[in-house]
Amino acid sequence: MKVRALAIAGIATFAVYAVPAVAHHSFAMFDAEKTVTLEGSVKEFQWTNPHAWIMLNVANPQGQTNVWAIELNGPSGLARDGWKPKTLTPGMNVAVTIHPLRDGTNGGQFLKVKLPDGSEMGRGGIPQAPAATPPAP
């Protein structure tokens, strides 16, 4: 009887922790067929779970500033790729490459960022399918 109670408790514990993994949202809102590079200044870098965010001030063609919300991977994945909570700071001028939102609003999925010193950071975005390997000659 004790073994059965332990098994039920174990299954219940697993179910509680498995639900958030199943609840994760789809990335269908991003247009993976398009790539856009935005140049602007960092308004805010949000080092948050489940995803970090770059809020980027970008000038539109009329010269007005629009804020773009760019979704990255979570902090643990970013940290593994060399990111820190202060990698991007307010006022920093950067170029961010994204997959834009399908609905045309100001946002997208992070692909890479070019920092003021010319270095680039990537792989911190939501994982992408590997590029096709060209056939051997």
Protein backbone atom coordinates (compact mmCIF):
# COMPACT_ATOMS: atom_id res chain seq x y z
CA MET A 1 0.00 0.00 0.00
CA LYS A 2 2.85 2.41 0.84
CA VAL A 3 4.48 1.74 -2.53
CA ARG A 4 1.24 2.58 -4.32
CA ALA A 5 0.86 5.84 -2.35
CA LEU A 6 4.45 6.79 -3.18
CA ALA A 7 3.86 6.04 -6.86
CA ILE A 8 0.74 8.21 -6.93
CA ALA A 9 2.60 11.02 -5.16
CA GLY A 10 5.44 10.74 -7.66
CA ILE A 11 3.08 10.88 -10.63
CA ALA A 12 1.29 13.90 -9.16
CA THR A 13 4.61 15.69 -8.59
CA PHE A 14 5.70 14.96 -12.16
CA ALA A 15 2.38 16.26 -13.52
CA VAL A 16 2.72 19.54 -11.63
CA TYR A 17 6.16 20.18 -13.11
CA ALA A 18 5.28 18.94 -16.60
CA VAL A 19 2.33 21.30 -17.10
CA PRO A 20 4.46 24.48 -17.50
CA ALA A 21 6.55 22.77 -20.18
CA VAL A 22 3.42 21.88 -22.15
CA ALA A 23 2.01 25.38 -21.67
CA HIS A 24 4.92 27.06 -23.48
CA HIS A 25 3.70 29.21 -26.36
CA SER A 26 4.25 28.71 -30.06
CA PHE A 27 6.56 30.88 -32.12
CA ALA A 28 4.17 30.90 -35.10
CA MET A 29 3.62 34.62 -34.44
CA PHE A 30 7.08 35.31 -35.93
CA ASP A 31 7.68 35.27 -39.68
CA ALA A 32 10.65 32.90 -39.96
CA GLU A 33 10.77 33.59 -43.72
CA LYS A 34 11.74 37.24 -43.12
CA THR A 35 14.78 38.75 -41.46
CA VAL A 36 14.94 42.42 -40.47
CA THR A 37 17.86 44.35 -38.99
CA LEU A 38 16.89 47.24 -36.73
CA GLU A 39 19.30 49.99 -35.72
CA GLY A 40 18.51 51.89 -32.58
CA SER A 41 19.26 52.50 -28.94
CA VAL A 42 18.44 50.16 -26.11
CA LYS A 43 15.56 51.48 -24.04
CA GLU A 44 15.61 48.53 -21.65
CA PHE A 45 17.05 45.02 -21.42
CA GLN A 46 14.74 42.82 -19.35
CA TRP A 47 16.60 39.81 -17.89
CA THR A 48 13.43 37.86 -17.05
CA ASN A 49 11.96 34.36 -17.18
CA PRO A 50 10.70 32.69 -19.22
CA HIS A 51 12.18 34.98 -21.91
CA ALA A 52 14.43 38.02 -21.81
CA TRP A 53 13.40 41.10 -23.80
CA ILE A 54 15.13 43.97 -25.57
CA MET A 55 13.06 47.12 -25.76
CA LEU A 56 14.67 49.03 -28.64
CA ASN A 57 14.07 52.65 -29.67
CA VAL A 58 14.04 52.75 -33.48
CA ALA A 59 13.45 55.84 -35.63
CA ASN A 60 10.73 55.35 -38.25
CA PRO A 61 10.92 56.93 -41.74
CA GLN A 62 9.15 60.06 -40.41
CA GLY A 63 11.86 60.49 -37.75
CA GLN A 64 9.62 59.51 -34.85
CA THR A 65 10.83 56.93 -32.33
CA ASN A 66 9.02 53.61 -32.12
CA VAL A 67 9.71 51.06 -29.40
CA TRP A 68 10.28 47.50 -30.64
CA ALA A 69 9.84 44.53 -28.28
CA ILE A 70 12.31 41.77 -29.14
CA GLU A 71 11.97 38.36 -27.50
CA LEU A 72 15.05 36.33 -26.61
CA ASN A 73 15.69 33.02 -24.90
CA GLY A 74 15.55 32.81 -21.09
CA PRO A 75 18.37 34.02 -18.83
CA SER A 76 19.84 30.54 -18.25
CA GLY A 77 20.25 29.95 -21.99
CA LEU A 78 21.60 33.45 -22.53
CA ALA A 79 24.12 33.00 -19.69
CA ARG A 80 25.39 29.79 -21.30
CA ASP A 81 26.03 31.85 -24.44
CA GLY A 82 28.02 34.54 -22.60
CA TRP A 83 25.26 37.06 -21.86
CA LYS A 84 25.02 38.96 -18.58
CA PRO A 85 22.18 41.08 -17.18
CA LYS A 86 24.16 44.20 -18.19
CA THR A 87 25.24 43.04 -21.67
CA LEU A 88 22.87 45.65 -23.06
CA THR A 89 22.42 48.94 -21.21
CA PRO A 90 19.99 51.82 -21.77
CA GLY A 91 21.23 54.23 -24.43
CA MET A 92 23.55 51.68 -26.08
CA ASN A 93 23.39 51.90 -29.89
CA VAL A 94 23.01 48.45 -31.43
CA ALA A 95 21.84 46.68 -34.58
CA VAL A 96 19.48 43.79 -33.83
CA THR A 97 18.51 41.19 -36.41
CA ILE A 98 15.11 39.59 -35.89
CA HIS A 99 12.30 37.57 -37.41
CA PRO A 100 9.50 40.18 -37.36
CA LEU A 101 5.99 39.61 -36.05
CA ARG A 102 3.60 38.38 -38.73
CA ASP A 103 0.99 41.01 -37.85
CA GLY A 104 3.39 43.87 -38.64
CA THR A 105 3.50 45.32 -35.12
CA ASN A 106 6.82 46.47 -33.69
CA GLY A 107 8.33 43.27 -32.34
CA GLY A 108 10.18 40.15 -33.24
CA GLN A 109 12.23 37.09 -32.41
CA PHE A 110 15.89 37.73 -31.63
CA LEU A 111 18.53 36.32 -33.96
CA LYS A 112 21.66 38.39 -33.27
CA VAL A 113 22.89 41.76 -32.05
CA LYS A 114 25.83 43.86 -33.19
CA LEU A 115 27.30 45.76 -30.23
CA PRO A 116 28.90 49.23 -30.38
CA ASP A 117 32.42 47.70 -30.47
CA GLY A 118 31.47 45.73 -33.62
CA SER A 119 31.25 42.35 -31.89
CA GLU A 120 28.17 40.22 -32.43
CA MET A 121 26.22 37.98 -30.12
CA GLY A 122 23.75 35.43 -31.30
CA ARG A 123 22.53 32.00 -30.41
CA GLY A 124 20.74 33.68 -27.50
CA GLY A 125 17.53 33.71 -29.46
CA ILE A 126 14.93 31.06 -29.44
CA PRO A 127 16.52 27.96 -30.98
CA GLN A 128 16.25 27.77 -34.74
CA ALA A 129 16.28 24.72 -36.97
CA PRO A 130 19.83 24.05 -38.18
CA ALA A 131 20.68 25.41 -41.61
CA ALA A 132 20.70 22.86 -44.36
CA THR A 133 24.16 21.55 -45.15
CA PRO A 134 25.05 21.93 -48.81
CA PRO A 135 25.67 18.63 -50.61
CA ALA A 136 29.30 17.56 -50.92
CA PRO A 137 30.85 18.19 -54.36
